[in-house]
């Protein structure tokens, strides 16, 4: 792969790409969890949560593509396997047995807060 000539030192480029790969992995894990919850939510709030989860996973899917392309523009590969994504992610994947709807919402809130903290750290690396 040809190293892009963007004016960034190679070490800085790699550090930014590594930070973005972490954000990408957390976003991907949260995307999968949200999509799983969309499929498996039950109860009296099924319809509203089902629609909300769908809106969220669609937005995350679009963000994933943009992040991966930015990583590639730094001359670094984005993760290529679910194993690698799992190694980079700090957010836990969805449970084997879907939790009750209230727990789904709590788990996603926790995941979004974790992602926000990781994105802020990545921003500080990029600055």
C-alpha atoms as a PDB file:
ATOM      1  CA  UNK A   1       0.000   0.000   0.000  1.00  0.00           C
ATOM      2  CA  UNK A   2       1.296   3.431  -0.890  1.00  0.00           C
ATOM      3  CA  UNK A   3       1.714   5.769   2.068  1.00  0.00           C
ATOM      4  CA  UNK A   4      -0.376   8.899   1.534  1.00  0.00           C
ATOM      5  CA  UNK A   5       1.491  12.192   1.532  1.00  0.00           C
ATOM      6  CA  UNK A   6      -0.852  14.196   3.750  1.00  0.00           C
ATOM      7  CA  UNK A   7       1.791  16.030   5.710  1.00  0.00           C
ATOM      8  CA  UNK A   8       1.252  13.842   8.770  1.00  0.00           C
ATOM      9  CA  UNK A   9       4.168  12.003  10.306  1.00  0.00           C
ATOM     10  CA  UNK A  10       3.810   8.218   9.897  1.00  0.00           C
ATOM     11  CA  UNK A  11       3.625   7.716  13.671  1.00  0.00           C
ATOM     12  CA  UNK A  12       0.872  10.312  13.974  1.00  0.00           C
ATOM     13  CA  UNK A  13      -1.033   8.769  11.053  1.00  0.00           C
ATOM     14  CA  UNK A  14      -0.819   5.331  12.650  1.00  0.00           C
ATOM     15  CA  UNK A  15      -1.874   6.649  16.070  1.00  0.00           C
ATOM     16  CA  UNK A  16      -4.916   8.378  14.577  1.00  0.00           C
ATOM     17  CA  UNK A  17      -5.822   5.276  12.555  1.00  0.00           C
ATOM     18  CA  UNK A  18      -5.455   3.065  15.644  1.00  0.00           C
ATOM     19  CA  UNK A  19      -7.724   5.371  17.637  1.00  0.00           C
ATOM     20  CA  UNK A  20     -10.279   5.411  14.823  1.00  0.00           C
ATOM     21  CA  UNK A  21     -10.112   1.622  14.502  1.00  0.00           C
ATOM     22  CA  UNK A  22     -11.086   1.413  18.178  1.00  0.00           C
ATOM     23  CA  UNK A  23     -14.036   3.728  17.600  1.00  0.00           C
ATOM     24  CA  UNK A  24     -14.954   1.696  14.520  1.00  0.00           C
ATOM     25  CA  UNK A  25     -14.860  -1.562  16.496  1.00  0.00           C
ATOM     26  CA  UNK A  26     -17.019  -0.147  19.291  1.00  0.00           C
ATOM     27  CA  UNK A  27     -19.477   1.291  16.773  1.00  0.00           C
ATOM     28  CA  UNK A  28     -19.636  -2.040  14.949  1.00  0.00           C
ATOM     29  CA  UNK A  29     -20.258  -3.944  18.176  1.00  0.00           C
ATOM     30  CA  UNK A  30     -22.942  -1.461  19.212  1.00  0.00           C
ATOM     31  CA  UNK A  31     -24.458  -1.694  15.712  1.00  0.00           C
ATOM     32  CA  UNK A  32     -24.690  -5.489  15.979  1.00  0.00           C
ATOM     33  CA  UNK A  33     -26.164  -5.290  19.481  1.00  0.00           C
ATOM     34  CA  UNK A  34     -28.729  -2.706  18.392  1.00  0.00           C
ATOM     35  CA  UNK A  35     -29.696  -4.755  15.341  1.00  0.00           C
ATOM     36  CA  UNK A  36     -30.050  -7.878  17.498  1.00  0.00           C
ATOM     37  CA  UNK A  37     -32.264  -6.004  19.929  1.00  0.00           C
ATOM     38  CA  UNK A  38     -34.342  -4.698  16.998  1.00  0.00           C
ATOM     39  CA  UNK A  39     -35.000  -8.291  15.942  1.00  0.00           C
ATOM     40  CA  UNK A  40     -35.647  -9.633  19.426  1.00  0.00           C
ATOM     41  CA  UNK A  41     -37.394  -6.932  21.460  1.00  0.00           C
ATOM     42  CA  UNK A  42     -40.715  -8.008  22.990  1.00  0.00           C
ATOM     43  CA  UNK A  43     -43.329  -6.573  25.283  1.00  0.00           C
ATOM     44  CA  UNK A  44     -45.773  -3.681  25.367  1.00  0.00           C
ATOM     45  CA  UNK A  45     -43.211  -1.216  23.970  1.00  0.00           C
ATOM     46  CA  UNK A  46     -42.281  -3.528  21.101  1.00  0.00           C
ATOM     47  CA  UNK A  47     -43.306  -1.192  18.278  1.00  0.00           C
ATOM     48  CA  UNK A  48     -41.669   1.993  19.584  1.00  0.00           C
ATOM     49  CA  UNK A  49     -38.429   0.240  20.586  1.00  0.00           C
ATOM     50  CA  UNK A  50     -38.337  -1.810  17.386  1.00  0.00           C
ATOM     51  CA  UNK A  51     -38.529   1.388  15.313  1.00  0.00           C
ATOM     52  CA  UNK A  52     -36.061   3.284  17.499  1.00  0.00           C
ATOM     53  CA  UNK A  53     -33.520   0.456  17.337  1.00  0.00           C
ATOM     54  CA  UNK A  54     -33.901   0.352  13.546  1.00  0.00           C
ATOM     55  CA  UNK A  55     -33.260   4.078  13.218  1.00  0.00           C
ATOM     56  CA  UNK A  56     -30.172   3.755  15.407  1.00  0.00           C
ATOM     57  CA  UNK A  57     -28.631   0.769  13.636  1.00  0.00           C
ATOM     58  CA  UNK A  58     -29.170   2.376  10.219  1.00  0.00           C
ATOM     59  CA  UNK A  59     -27.368   5.539  11.355  1.00  0.00           C
ATOM     60  CA  UNK A  60     -24.521   3.503  12.826  1.00  0.00           C
ATOM     61  CA  UNK A  61     -24.172   1.506   9.596  1.00  0.00           C
ATOM     62  CA  UNK A  62     -23.666   4.722   7.616  1.00  0.00           C
ATOM     63  CA  UNK A  63     -21.161   5.994  10.187  1.00  0.00           C
ATOM     64  CA  UNK A  64     -19.212   2.720  10.018  1.00  0.00           C
ATOM     65  CA  UNK A  65     -18.652   3.084   6.301  1.00  0.00           C
ATOM     66  CA  UNK A  66     -17.467   6.658   6.635  1.00  0.00           C
ATOM     67  CA  UNK A  67     -15.082   5.792   9.495  1.00  0.00           C
ATOM     68  CA  UNK A  68     -13.568   2.858   7.618  1.00  0.00           C
ATOM     69  CA  UNK A  69     -13.006   5.046   4.558  1.00  0.00           C
ATOM     70  CA  UNK A  70     -11.282   7.680   6.697  1.00  0.00           C
ATOM     71  CA  UNK A  71      -9.020   5.023   8.173  1.00  0.00           C
ATOM     72  CA  UNK A  72      -8.148   3.860   4.659  1.00  0.00           C
ATOM     73  CA  UNK A  73      -7.413   7.459   3.644  1.00  0.00           C
ATOM     74  CA  UNK A  74      -4.696   7.404   6.320  1.00  0.00           C
ATOM     75  CA  UNK A  75      -3.085   4.470   4.519  1.00  0.00           C
ATOM     76  CA  UNK A  76      -4.096   1.910   7.156  1.00  0.00           C
ATOM     77  CA  UNK A  77      -6.437  -1.049   6.797  1.00  0.00           C
ATOM     78  CA  UNK A  78      -9.691  -1.108   8.726  1.00  0.00           C
ATOM     79  CA  UNK A  79     -10.345  -4.345  10.654  1.00  0.00           C
ATOM     80  CA  UNK A  80     -11.314  -7.146   8.288  1.00  0.00           C
ATOM     81  CA  UNK A  81     -12.717  -9.816  10.597  1.00  0.00           C
ATOM     82  CA  UNK A  82     -15.217 -10.075  13.419  1.00  0.00           C
ATOM     83  CA  UNK A  83     -12.413 -11.566  15.523  1.00  0.00           C
ATOM     84  CA  UNK A  84     -10.261  -8.463  15.023  1.00  0.00           C
ATOM     85  CA  UNK A  85     -13.249  -6.185  15.692  1.00  0.00           C
ATOM     86  CA  UNK A  86     -13.882  -8.062  18.936  1.00  0.00           C
ATOM     87  CA  UNK A  87     -10.252  -7.682  19.996  1.00  0.00           C
ATOM     88  CA  UNK A  88     -10.397  -3.917  19.429  1.00  0.00           C
ATOM     89  CA  UNK A  89     -13.846  -3.322  20.939  1.00  0.00           C
ATOM     90  CA  UNK A  90     -14.372  -2.202  24.509  1.00  0.00           C
ATOM     91  CA  UNK A  91     -18.146  -2.710  24.269  1.00  0.00           C
ATOM     92  CA  UNK A  92     -19.417  -6.209  24.996  1.00  0.00           C
ATOM     93  CA  UNK A  93     -21.374  -7.988  22.291  1.00  0.00           C
ATOM     94  CA  UNK A  94     -25.053  -8.833  22.689  1.00  0.00           C
ATOM     95  CA  UNK A  95     -26.051 -11.623  25.027  1.00  0.00           C
ATOM     96  CA  UNK A  96     -26.844 -15.095  23.670  1.00  0.00           C
ATOM     97  CA  UNK A  97     -30.329 -14.788  25.162  1.00  0.00           C
ATOM     98  CA  UNK A  98     -31.957 -11.392  24.562  1.00  0.00           C
ATOM     99  CA  UNK A  99     -32.666  -9.477  27.784  1.00  0.00           C
ATOM    100  CA  UNK A 100     -35.983  -7.806  28.639  1.00  0.00           C
ATOM    101  CA  UNK A 101     -36.732  -4.551  26.812  1.00  0.00           C
ATOM    102  CA  UNK A 102     -35.759  -2.290  29.751  1.00  0.00           C
ATOM    103  CA  UNK A 103     -32.375  -4.010  30.008  1.00  0.00           C
ATOM    104  CA  UNK A 104     -31.890  -3.613  26.242  1.00  0.00           C
ATOM    105  CA  UNK A 105     -32.362   0.136  26.579  1.00  0.00           C
ATOM    106  CA  UNK A 106     -29.960   0.262  29.552  1.00  0.00           C
ATOM    107  CA  UNK A 107     -27.352  -1.810  27.697  1.00  0.00           C
ATOM    108  CA  UNK A 108     -27.545   0.442  24.645  1.00  0.00           C
ATOM    109  CA  UNK A 109     -27.313   3.583  26.777  1.00  0.00           C
ATOM    110  CA  UNK A 110     -24.198   2.179  28.445  1.00  0.00           C
ATOM    111  CA  UNK A 111     -22.776   1.279  25.030  1.00  0.00           C
ATOM    112  CA  UNK A 112     -23.381   4.758  23.622  1.00  0.00           C
ATOM    113  CA  UNK A 113     -21.733   6.349  26.656  1.00  0.00           C
ATOM    114  CA  UNK A 114     -18.709   4.067  26.229  1.00  0.00           C
ATOM    115  CA  UNK A 115     -18.550   4.947  22.536  1.00  0.00           C
ATOM    116  CA  UNK A 116     -18.721   8.674  23.298  1.00  0.00           C
ATOM    117  CA  UNK A 117     -15.819   8.405  25.739  1.00  0.00           C
ATOM    118  CA  UNK A 118     -13.763   6.456  23.206  1.00  0.00           C
ATOM    119  CA  UNK A 119     -14.555   8.928  20.431  1.00  0.00           C
ATOM    120  CA  UNK A 120     -13.440  11.814  22.663  1.00  0.00           C
ATOM    121  CA  UNK A 121     -10.129  10.048  23.282  1.00  0.00           C
ATOM    122  CA  UNK A 122      -9.710   9.492  19.544  1.00  0.00           C
ATOM    123  CA  UNK A 123     -10.399  13.172  18.940  1.00  0.00           C
ATOM    124  CA  UNK A 124      -7.656  14.139  21.376  1.00  0.00           C
ATOM    125  CA  UNK A 125      -5.231  11.858  19.491  1.00  0.00           C
ATOM    126  CA  UNK A 126      -6.221  13.442  16.175  1.00  0.00           C
ATOM    127  CA  UNK A 127      -5.795  16.993  17.454  1.00  0.00           C
END
